[in-house]
Amino acid sequence: MRAATLSSKGQVTIPRAIRERLRLKPGDRVMFVEREDMVVLEPVSGSIMDWYGALAGQPAPDWQDLRTDVMAQVASETAHEGLVNGEAAHG
């Protein structure tokens, strides 16, 4: 566990061991993620190439099924909105 002191400007120095473990270097961006009663420091990737290969081995989505599901959901919501707003066709 590492500790750091908060400056009057709200700044802290990330301990060297943490910077090395996260491979952080000057100019890198980090994100503070709130989780329950703690805050987690996570590196932010600056380039799409940092994500290259991240999904390797994952199955490709079935775009046709996804499109059909989205269209059905939109149709359902549109029909529901029409009924709620009294715009249903009377037959």
C-alpha atoms as a PDB file:
ATOM      1  CA  MET A   1       0.000   0.000   0.000  1.00  0.00           C
ATOM      2  CA  ARG A   2       1.317   3.446  -0.921  1.00  0.00           C
ATOM      3  CA  ALA A   3       0.375   6.845   0.489  1.00  0.00           C
ATOM      4  CA  ALA A   4       0.662  10.330  -1.002  1.00  0.00           C
ATOM      5  CA  THR A   5       0.006  13.821   0.343  1.00  0.00           C
ATOM      6  CA  LEU A   6      -2.639  16.056  -1.218  1.00  0.00           C
ATOM      7  CA  SER A   7      -1.310  19.513  -2.150  1.00  0.00           C
ATOM      8  CA  SER A   8      -3.181  22.772  -1.612  1.00  0.00           C
ATOM      9  CA  LYS A   9      -4.162  22.574  -5.317  1.00  0.00           C
ATOM     10  CA  GLY A  10      -5.652  19.082  -4.907  1.00  0.00           C
ATOM     11  CA  GLN A  11      -2.711  17.378  -6.586  1.00  0.00           C
ATOM     12  CA  VAL A  12      -0.925  14.173  -5.613  1.00  0.00           C
ATOM     13  CA  THR A  13       2.198  12.488  -6.900  1.00  0.00           C
ATOM     14  CA  ILE A  14       1.591   8.916  -7.938  1.00  0.00           C
ATOM     15  CA  PRO A  15       4.223   6.833  -6.155  1.00  0.00           C
ATOM     16  CA  ARG A  16       6.985   5.551  -8.426  1.00  0.00           C
ATOM     17  CA  ALA A  17       6.155   1.866  -7.845  1.00  0.00           C
ATOM     18  CA  ILE A  18       2.558   2.486  -8.959  1.00  0.00           C
ATOM     19  CA  ARG A  19       3.655   4.494 -12.019  1.00  0.00           C
ATOM     20  CA  GLU A  20       6.015   1.692 -13.002  1.00  0.00           C
ATOM     21  CA  ARG A  21       3.424  -1.032 -12.454  1.00  0.00           C
ATOM     22  CA  LEU A  22       0.877   0.845 -14.599  1.00  0.00           C
ATOM     23  CA  ARG A  23       3.621   1.809 -17.082  1.00  0.00           C
ATOM     24  CA  LEU A  24       2.694   5.473 -16.727  1.00  0.00           C
ATOM     25  CA  LYS A  25       4.981   8.105 -18.159  1.00  0.00           C
ATOM     26  CA  PRO A  26       4.842  11.923 -18.266  1.00  0.00           C
ATOM     27  CA  GLY A  27       1.922  13.087 -20.398  1.00  0.00           C
ATOM     28  CA  ASP A  28      -0.149   9.928 -19.922  1.00  0.00           C
ATOM     29  CA  ARG A  29      -3.756  10.407 -18.886  1.00  0.00           C
ATOM     30  CA  VAL A  30      -5.418   8.651 -15.964  1.00  0.00           C
ATOM     31  CA  MET A  31      -9.040   8.301 -14.934  1.00  0.00           C
ATOM     32  CA  PHE A  32     -10.438   8.308 -11.402  1.00  0.00           C
ATOM     33  CA  VAL A  33     -13.227   5.719 -11.191  1.00  0.00           C
ATOM     34  CA  GLU A  34     -15.542   5.801  -8.176  1.00  0.00           C
ATOM     35  CA  ARG A  35     -16.442   2.352  -6.811  1.00  0.00           C
ATOM     36  CA  GLU A  36     -18.587   2.213  -3.692  1.00  0.00           C
ATOM     37  CA  ASP A  37     -16.458   3.838  -0.978  1.00  0.00           C
ATOM     38  CA  MET A  38     -13.187   4.047  -2.942  1.00  0.00           C
ATOM     39  CA  VAL A  39     -11.623   5.652  -5.993  1.00  0.00           C
ATOM     40  CA  VAL A  40      -9.566   3.601  -8.450  1.00  0.00           C
ATOM     41  CA  LEU A  41      -6.875   5.092 -10.672  1.00  0.00           C
ATOM     42  CA  GLU A  42      -6.904   3.679 -14.204  1.00  0.00           C
ATOM     43  CA  PRO A  43      -4.723   4.565 -17.194  1.00  0.00           C
ATOM     44  CA  VAL A  44      -6.571   6.109 -20.158  1.00  0.00           C
ATOM     45  CA  SER A  45      -5.466   4.927 -23.575  1.00  0.00           C
ATOM     46  CA  GLY A  46      -4.667   7.726 -25.958  1.00  0.00           C
ATOM     47  CA  SER A  47      -4.752   5.845 -29.241  1.00  0.00           C
ATOM     48  CA  ILE A  48      -7.058   3.389 -30.922  1.00  0.00           C
ATOM     49  CA  MET A  49      -3.959   1.281 -31.509  1.00  0.00           C
ATOM     50  CA  ASP A  50      -3.691   0.788 -27.737  1.00  0.00           C
ATOM     51  CA  TRP A  51      -6.836  -1.332 -28.063  1.00  0.00           C
ATOM     52  CA  TYR A  52      -5.564  -3.382 -31.015  1.00  0.00           C
ATOM     53  CA  GLY A  53      -6.191  -7.057 -30.329  1.00  0.00           C
ATOM     54  CA  ALA A  54      -8.318  -6.424 -27.238  1.00  0.00           C
ATOM     55  CA  LEU A  55     -11.205  -8.416 -28.700  1.00  0.00           C
ATOM     56  CA  ALA A  56      -9.110 -11.131 -30.295  1.00  0.00           C
ATOM     57  CA  GLY A  57     -10.770 -14.492 -29.880  1.00  0.00           C
ATOM     58  CA  GLN A  58     -14.210 -12.977 -29.249  1.00  0.00           C
ATOM     59  CA  PRO A  59     -16.989 -14.123 -31.574  1.00  0.00           C
ATOM     60  CA  ALA A  60     -18.102 -11.550 -34.124  1.00  0.00           C
ATOM     61  CA  PRO A  61     -21.643 -10.293 -33.553  1.00  0.00           C
ATOM     62  CA  ASP A  62     -24.410 -11.447 -35.851  1.00  0.00           C
ATOM     63  CA  TRP A  63     -25.273  -8.027 -37.264  1.00  0.00           C
ATOM     64  CA  GLN A  64     -28.481  -9.189 -38.961  1.00  0.00           C
ATOM     65  CA  ASP A  65     -29.870 -10.610 -35.693  1.00  0.00           C
ATOM     66  CA  LEU A  66     -28.803  -7.462 -33.837  1.00  0.00           C
ATOM     67  CA  ARG A  67     -30.513  -5.260 -36.443  1.00  0.00           C
ATOM     68  CA  THR A  68     -33.710  -7.340 -36.260  1.00  0.00           C
ATOM     69  CA  ASP A  69     -33.733  -7.132 -32.443  1.00  0.00           C
ATOM     70  CA  VAL A  70     -33.233  -3.354 -32.475  1.00  0.00           C
ATOM     71  CA  MET A  71     -35.984  -2.848 -35.068  1.00  0.00           C
ATOM     72  CA  ALA A  72     -38.393  -4.978 -33.027  1.00  0.00           C
ATOM     73  CA  GLN A  73     -37.593  -3.008 -29.870  1.00  0.00           C
ATOM     74  CA  VAL A  74     -38.086   0.342 -31.630  1.00  0.00           C
ATOM     75  CA  ALA A  75     -41.389  -0.865 -33.108  1.00  0.00           C
ATOM     76  CA  SER A  76     -42.567  -2.029 -29.686  1.00  0.00           C
ATOM     77  CA  GLU A  77     -41.642   1.252 -28.014  1.00  0.00           C
ATOM     78  CA  THR A  78     -43.242   3.279 -30.817  1.00  0.00           C
ATOM     79  CA  ALA A  79     -46.478   1.279 -30.555  1.00  0.00           C
ATOM     80  CA  HIS A  80     -46.490   1.679 -26.774  1.00  0.00           C
ATOM     81  CA  GLU A  81     -45.954   5.447 -27.036  1.00  0.00           C
ATOM     82  CA  GLY A  82     -48.875   5.669 -29.488  1.00  0.00           C
ATOM     83  CA  LEU A  83     -51.151   3.824 -27.048  1.00  0.00           C
ATOM     84  CA  VAL A  84     -50.050   5.973 -24.111  1.00  0.00           C
ATOM     85  CA  ASN A  85     -50.616   9.199 -26.060  1.00  0.00           C
ATOM     86  CA  GLY A  86     -54.030   8.084 -27.341  1.00  0.00           C
ATOM     87  CA  GLU A  87     -52.826   7.902 -30.929  1.00  0.00           C
ATOM     88  CA  ALA A  88     -53.781   4.270 -31.510  1.00  0.00           C
ATOM     89  CA  ALA A  89     -55.743   3.647 -34.684  1.00  0.00           C
ATOM     90  CA  HIS A  90     -59.360   2.733 -34.058  1.00  0.00           C
ATOM     91  CA  GLY A  91     -60.543  -0.100 -36.258  1.00  0.00           C
END
